[in-house]
Protein backbone atom coordinates (compact mmCIF):
# COMPACT_ATOMS: atom_id res chain seq x y z
CA MET A 1 -0.02 -0.19 0.12
CA ASN A 2 0.83 3.73 -0.32
CA LEU A 3 2.52 5.29 2.58
CA PRO A 4 1.29 8.91 2.89
CA SER A 5 3.83 10.77 0.89
CA PHE A 6 6.19 8.11 0.73
CA LYS A 7 7.50 8.86 4.38
CA SER A 8 8.05 6.38 7.17
CA ALA A 9 5.36 6.26 9.54
CA ARG A 10 6.19 5.65 13.42
CA PHE A 11 3.87 4.02 16.09
CA ILE A 12 4.50 2.17 19.68
CA ASP A 13 4.22 -1.56 19.49
CA ILE A 14 2.94 -3.59 22.26
CA ASP A 15 6.03 -3.45 24.27
CA GLY A 16 6.35 -0.03 24.25
CA GLN A 17 9.14 0.34 21.77
CA GLN A 18 8.68 2.70 18.88
CA LYS A 19 8.60 1.27 15.54
CA THR A 20 8.79 2.33 11.85
CA VAL A 21 6.80 1.31 8.85
CA ARG A 22 7.91 2.15 5.33
CA ILE A 23 8.45 1.12 2.05
CA ALA A 24 11.94 -0.06 1.54
CA HIS A 25 12.55 2.33 -1.29
CA TYR A 26 10.49 4.27 -3.96
CA SER A 27 11.62 2.40 -6.78
CA VAL A 28 9.80 -0.81 -5.02
CA GLN A 29 6.58 1.06 -4.74
CA GLU A 30 6.85 2.19 -8.30
CA TYR A 31 7.34 -1.24 -9.60
CA LEU A 32 4.47 -2.65 -7.75
CA GLU A 33 2.24 0.16 -9.52
CA SER A 34 3.71 -0.26 -12.91
CA ASP A 35 2.49 -1.98 -15.75
CA ARG A 36 5.76 -3.82 -16.06
CA ILE A 37 5.12 -6.36 -13.14
CA HIS A 38 2.23 -7.72 -15.34
CA GLN A 39 4.72 -9.60 -17.56
CA THR A 40 6.74 -11.37 -14.77
CA ALA A 41 4.68 -11.17 -11.42
CA SER A 42 1.11 -10.02 -11.85
CA LYS A 43 -0.24 -11.25 -8.63
CA PHE A 44 1.94 -8.84 -6.70
CA SER A 45 0.62 -5.79 -8.69
CA MET A 46 -1.02 -3.41 -6.99
CA GLN A 47 -3.54 -0.14 -7.61
CA SER A 48 -2.69 2.89 -6.15
CA ALA A 49 -5.96 4.21 -5.33
CA LEU A 50 -7.48 0.77 -4.63
CA SER A 51 -4.65 0.14 -2.20
CA ASN A 52 -5.41 3.29 -0.59
CA LEU A 53 -9.00 2.81 -0.17
CA GLU A 54 -7.99 -0.65 1.87
CA ALA A 55 -5.49 1.01 3.77
CA SER A 56 -7.97 3.89 4.93
CA GLN A 57 -10.68 1.28 5.67
CA ILE A 58 -8.38 -0.93 7.94
CA CYS A 59 -7.31 2.32 9.82
CA LEU A 60 -11.00 3.62 10.39
CA LEU A 61 -12.15 -0.26 11.53
CA TYR A 62 -9.05 -0.16 13.95
CA LEU A 63 -10.20 3.38 15.34
CA LEU A 64 -13.91 2.38 15.29
CA LYS A 65 -12.89 -0.62 17.72
CA THR A 66 -10.07 1.31 19.78
CA ALA A 67 -11.19 2.49 23.36
CA LEU A 68 -8.97 4.48 25.10
CA LEU A 69 -7.97 3.95 28.40
CA ASP A 70 -6.94 6.07 31.44
CA ASP A 71 -3.31 5.63 31.17
CA THR A 72 -1.95 6.73 27.90
CA ALA A 73 0.86 4.21 27.99
CA VAL A 74 -1.08 1.33 28.62
CA THR A 75 -3.54 2.60 25.79
CA LEU A 76 -0.46 2.71 23.47
CA ALA A 77 0.39 -0.82 24.21
CA LYS A 78 -2.70 -2.34 23.97
CA PHE A 79 -3.38 -0.32 20.75
CA PRO A 80 -0.39 -0.05 19.09
CA PHE A 81 -1.41 0.88 15.34
CA ALA A 82 -3.97 3.46 16.77
CA GLN A 83 -1.22 6.54 16.33
CA TYR A 84 -0.47 5.75 12.57
CA ALA A 85 -4.62 5.11 12.05
CA ALA A 86 -5.43 8.32 13.57
CA LYS A 87 -2.96 10.18 11.73
CA TYR A 88 -2.96 8.33 8.10
CA TRP A 89 -6.47 7.12 7.54
CA TYR A 90 -7.33 10.74 5.96
CA GLU A 91 -4.07 10.67 3.73
CA HIS A 92 -4.93 7.21 2.67
CA TYR A 93 -8.49 8.29 1.99
CA LYS A 94 -7.92 11.35 -0.11
CA SER A 95 -5.68 9.19 -2.30
CA SER A 96 -8.29 6.92 -3.09
CA ASP A 97 -11.18 7.18 -5.51
CA ASP A 98 -13.58 7.40 -2.65
CA GLY A 99 -11.79 10.52 -1.16
CA VAL A 100 -13.93 12.37 -3.90
CA SER A 101 -16.66 10.15 -4.32
CA PRO A 102 -19.68 8.97 -2.35
CA VAL A 103 -19.05 9.04 1.56
CA ASN A 104 -17.35 5.53 2.81
CA PRO A 105 -19.65 4.26 5.68
CA PHE A 106 -16.84 3.72 8.02
CA VAL A 107 -16.16 7.48 7.57
CA MET A 108 -19.51 8.36 8.34
CA GLN A 109 -19.20 5.94 11.42
CA LEU A 110 -16.23 7.97 12.65
CA PHE A 111 -17.75 11.35 12.35
CA GLY A 112 -21.43 10.68 12.71
CA GLY A 113 -21.37 7.78 15.06
CA GLN A 114 -20.96 7.49 18.84
CA GLN A 115 -19.64 10.59 19.98
CA VAL A 116 -16.76 8.74 21.95
CA VAL A 117 -15.25 7.32 18.50
CA LEU A 118 -14.82 10.68 17.23
CA GLN A 119 -13.23 11.79 20.63
CA ASN A 120 -11.00 8.84 21.00
CA TRP A 121 -9.68 9.91 17.12
CA ILE A 122 -9.02 13.46 18.20
CA LYS A 123 -7.22 12.60 21.64
CA ILE A 124 -4.85 10.12 19.75
CA HIS A 125 -4.21 12.74 16.55
CA ASP A 126 -5.56 16.39 17.46
CA LEU A 127 -6.25 17.66 14.09
CA ASP A 128 -5.71 21.25 15.51
CA HIS A 129 -2.59 20.70 17.38
CA PRO A 130 -0.73 17.58 15.53
CA ARG A 131 2.46 17.82 17.10
CA LEU A 132 1.00 16.99 20.45
CA SER A 133 0.77 13.71 21.87
CA LEU A 134 -1.97 11.39 23.27
CA GLY A 135 -4.10 13.13 25.72
CA GLY A 136 -2.47 16.51 24.96
CA LEU A 137 -5.92 18.27 24.63
CA SER A 138 -8.55 16.00 25.83
CA ASN A 139 -11.06 18.55 26.70
CA ASP A 140 -10.65 20.51 23.44
CA ILE A 141 -12.71 18.75 21.30
CA ALA A 142 -14.75 20.48 18.60
CA SER A 143 -18.13 19.21 16.74
CA PRO A 144 -17.94 16.45 13.83
CA VAL A 145 -18.96 19.55 11.40
CA TYR A 146 -15.91 21.16 12.48
CA TYR A 147 -13.49 18.47 11.66
CA ALA A 148 -15.05 17.58 8.36
CA SER A 149 -14.79 21.25 7.52
CA LEU A 150 -11.30 21.50 8.43
CA LEU A 151 -10.38 18.50 6.12
CA GLY A 152 -12.52 19.59 3.40
CA LEU A 153 -14.81 16.59 3.29
CA ARG A 154 -17.86 17.99 1.62
CA CYS A 155 -19.57 14.62 1.35
CA VAL A 156 -19.27 14.06 4.95
CA LEU A 157 -20.38 17.46 5.74
CA GLY A 158 -23.26 17.07 3.74
CA GLY A 159 -24.00 13.55 5.39
CA LEU A 160 -23.97 15.05 8.94
CA LEU A 161 -26.18 17.99 7.98
CA GLU A 162 -28.65 15.44 6.41
CA MET A 163 -28.54 13.32 9.39
CA GLU A 164 -29.65 16.46 11.34
CA ASN A 165 -32.41 16.82 8.95
CA GLU A 166 -33.75 13.23 9.26
CA GLU A 167 -33.59 13.08 13.19
CA GLY A 168 -34.87 16.60 13.64
CA ALA A 169 -38.07 15.81 10.91
CA GLN A 170 -39.33 13.60 13.58
CA THR A 171 -40.75 16.72 15.69
CA LEU A 172 -39.91 19.71 13.49
CA ASP A 173 -41.13 20.91 10.45
CA LEU A 174 -38.51 20.79 7.49
CA GLN A 175 -38.45 24.51 7.44
CA GLU A 176 -38.03 24.77 10.87
CA ILE A 177 -35.17 22.16 11.01
CA SER A 178 -33.41 24.18 7.56
CA SER A 179 -33.35 27.50 9.45
CA SER A 180 -32.51 26.67 13.14
CA SER A 181 -31.12 23.38 13.95
CA VAL A 182 -28.75 22.98 11.09
CA SER A 183 -27.83 26.78 11.34
CA SER A 184 -26.66 25.81 15.19
CA LEU A 185 -24.85 22.84 14.04
CA VAL A 186 -22.73 25.13 11.28
CA ASN A 187 -22.07 27.83 13.56
CA ALA A 188 -21.06 25.88 16.66
CA GLN A 189 -18.29 27.13 18.66
CA GLY A 190 -15.31 25.36 19.12
CA GLY A 191 -11.69 24.29 17.79
CA TYR A 192 -8.60 26.16 17.38
CA TYR A 193 -10.21 28.12 14.43
CA GLY A 194 -13.47 29.24 16.45
CA ASN A 195 -16.09 27.62 14.12
CA ALA A 196 -16.33 25.43 11.11
CA LEU A 197 -16.55 28.39 8.36
CA GLN A 198 -13.11 29.93 9.56
CA ALA A 199 -11.65 26.32 9.82
CA ALA A 200 -12.89 25.82 6.17
CA SER A 201 -11.68 29.16 5.04
CA TYR A 202 -8.31 29.08 6.33
CA ARG A 203 -7.57 26.04 4.57
CA GLY A 204 -9.32 27.14 1.42
CA HIS A 205 -11.80 24.35 1.04
CA GLU A 206 -14.26 26.62 -1.29
CA GLN A 207 -16.82 23.95 -1.60
CA VAL A 208 -17.28 23.54 1.99
CA VAL A 209 -17.24 27.03 2.45
CA GLN A 210 -19.91 27.47 -0.10
CA MET A 211 -21.81 24.57 1.45
CA LEU A 212 -21.39 26.38 4.95
CA LEU A 213 -22.68 29.61 3.69
CA ASP A 214 -25.68 28.11 2.11
CA LYS A 215 -26.88 26.30 5.52
CA GLY A 216 -26.73 29.42 7.22
CA ALA A 217 -23.31 29.99 8.71
CA ASP A 218 -22.58 33.32 10.23
CA VAL A 219 -20.05 34.98 7.84
CA ASN A 220 -19.08 37.35 10.72
CA ALA A 221 -18.94 35.23 13.56
CA GLN A 222 -15.95 36.03 15.88
CA GLY A 223 -13.54 33.82 17.89
CA GLY A 224 -10.89 31.24 16.97
CA GLU A 225 -7.39 32.16 15.88
CA TYR A 226 -7.92 34.78 13.36
CA GLY A 227 -10.99 36.41 14.51
CA ASN A 228 -13.46 35.77 11.81
CA ALA A 229 -13.44 33.69 8.42
CA LEU A 230 -12.54 36.68 6.48
CA GLN A 231 -9.23 37.19 8.30
CA ALA A 232 -8.70 33.61 8.16
CA ALA A 233 -9.00 33.31 4.23
CA SER A 234 -6.94 36.67 3.80
CA VAL A 235 -4.17 35.29 5.99
CA ALA A 236 -3.99 32.23 3.95
CA GLY A 237 -4.18 34.15 0.87
CA HIS A 238 -7.12 32.12 -0.58
CA GLU A 239 -8.52 34.60 -2.92
CA LYS A 240 -11.54 32.93 -3.95
CA VAL A 241 -12.92 32.20 -0.49
CA VAL A 242 -12.27 35.94 0.28
CA GLN A 243 -14.55 36.82 -2.63
CA MET A 244 -17.23 34.20 -1.56
CA LEU A 245 -17.16 35.67 1.92
CA LEU A 246 -17.36 39.11 0.60
CA ASP A 247 -20.32 38.38 -1.68
CA LYS A 248 -22.27 37.38 1.58
CA GLY A 249 -21.46 40.39 3.20
CA ALA A 250 -18.36 39.92 5.32
CA ASP A 251 -17.62 43.07 7.30
CA VAL A 252 -13.96 44.22 5.93
CA ASN A 253 -11.91 45.91 8.27
CA ALA A 254 -7.99 46.99 8.68
CA ASP A 255 -7.40 43.47 10.00
CA ALA A 256 -8.49 41.49 7.34
CA LEU A 257 -6.31 44.06 5.05
CA GLU A 258 -3.17 43.55 7.38
CA ALA A 259 -3.61 40.03 7.42
CA ALA A 260 -3.51 40.01 3.69
CA SER A 261 -0.59 42.38 2.84
CA GLY A 262 1.62 40.82 5.98
CA GLY A 263 1.31 37.52 3.90
CA GLY A 264 2.24 39.24 0.86
CA HIS A 265 -1.27 38.22 -0.90
CA ASN A 266 -1.42 40.81 -3.37
CA GLU A 267 -4.57 39.83 -5.18
CA VAL A 268 -6.50 39.60 -1.72
CA VAL A 269 -5.42 43.01 -0.98
CA ARG A 270 -6.54 44.22 -4.29
CA LEU A 271 -10.08 42.56 -3.45
CA LEU A 272 -10.21 44.30 -0.01
CA LEU A 273 -9.37 47.67 -1.36
CA ASP A 274 -12.06 47.44 -3.93
CA ILE A 275 -14.43 47.85 -0.97
CA ASN A 276 -12.44 50.99 -0.14
CA ALA A 277 -12.89 52.07 -3.80
CA GLN A 278 -16.58 51.64 -3.38
CA GLY A 279 -16.96 53.46 -0.16
CA GLY A 280 -19.05 52.20 2.67
CA GLU A 281 -18.53 52.28 6.33
CA HIS A 282 -15.34 50.40 6.39
CA ARG A 283 -13.75 53.29 4.04
CA ASN A 284 -11.77 55.27 6.35
CA ALA A 285 -10.11 51.92 8.20
CA LEU A 286 -8.82 50.48 4.77
CA GLN A 287 -7.76 53.91 3.90
CA ALA A 288 -6.26 54.46 7.23
CA THR A 289 -4.39 50.81 6.48
CA SER A 290 -3.22 51.23 2.93
């Protein structure tokens, strides 16, 4: 199977020793995936997309069955593959055909199943703070919608919002659901970036940003590492996302312009200065910054 970016992956074995899994050499992987292998050893041939799909499913199944214990060392000893599975299932998934097609049921079980499963995953590998070890931020776990948005999993996000509709439909009118329950879901506070929209905006996931906006995400919600979604998109230089947020009425201020200019994102700066040229309540702030 493909190891993510052909790099080695480390995990702790049952004896508490650090082990490494890696392809012997890139040429070995290249040969296994090439047409040449069919001439002499076809039964050993590998297809990249299929291999990554199988690898992601193995990782996900392992995570779904892994139960964290109070003692970190005991957990790592009992579940030696947990660290690799938590860190790399997504890398395998996005490299497979399923990464851009209908949602894999194992992925939905991770995001939309029992809350403890999602918590276990984030405790093992915190997406907001990937350098921290197991248990580093056990009380800082956001919603499934947040993590799906952070990773840009559009189909997963759609599935989560649809699940909310179906559950709420038992007691509420569908129109009430779409305007209240789903809106609350996409605007939930939590995570390093404060909310799902800011996370998706910083990562530049255009389709997810559009989906969140369509589902009632507050374009001017405050909080998180960069203050709001516009500043997050500006500091990362995602021009299309900035335009999408502006089209939805994002408030332009000096902080957003400073974030874009500080990162050398000239096209984003021009977009924001266009608001200055058009006038409006933010004219003076932008003039002062420019």
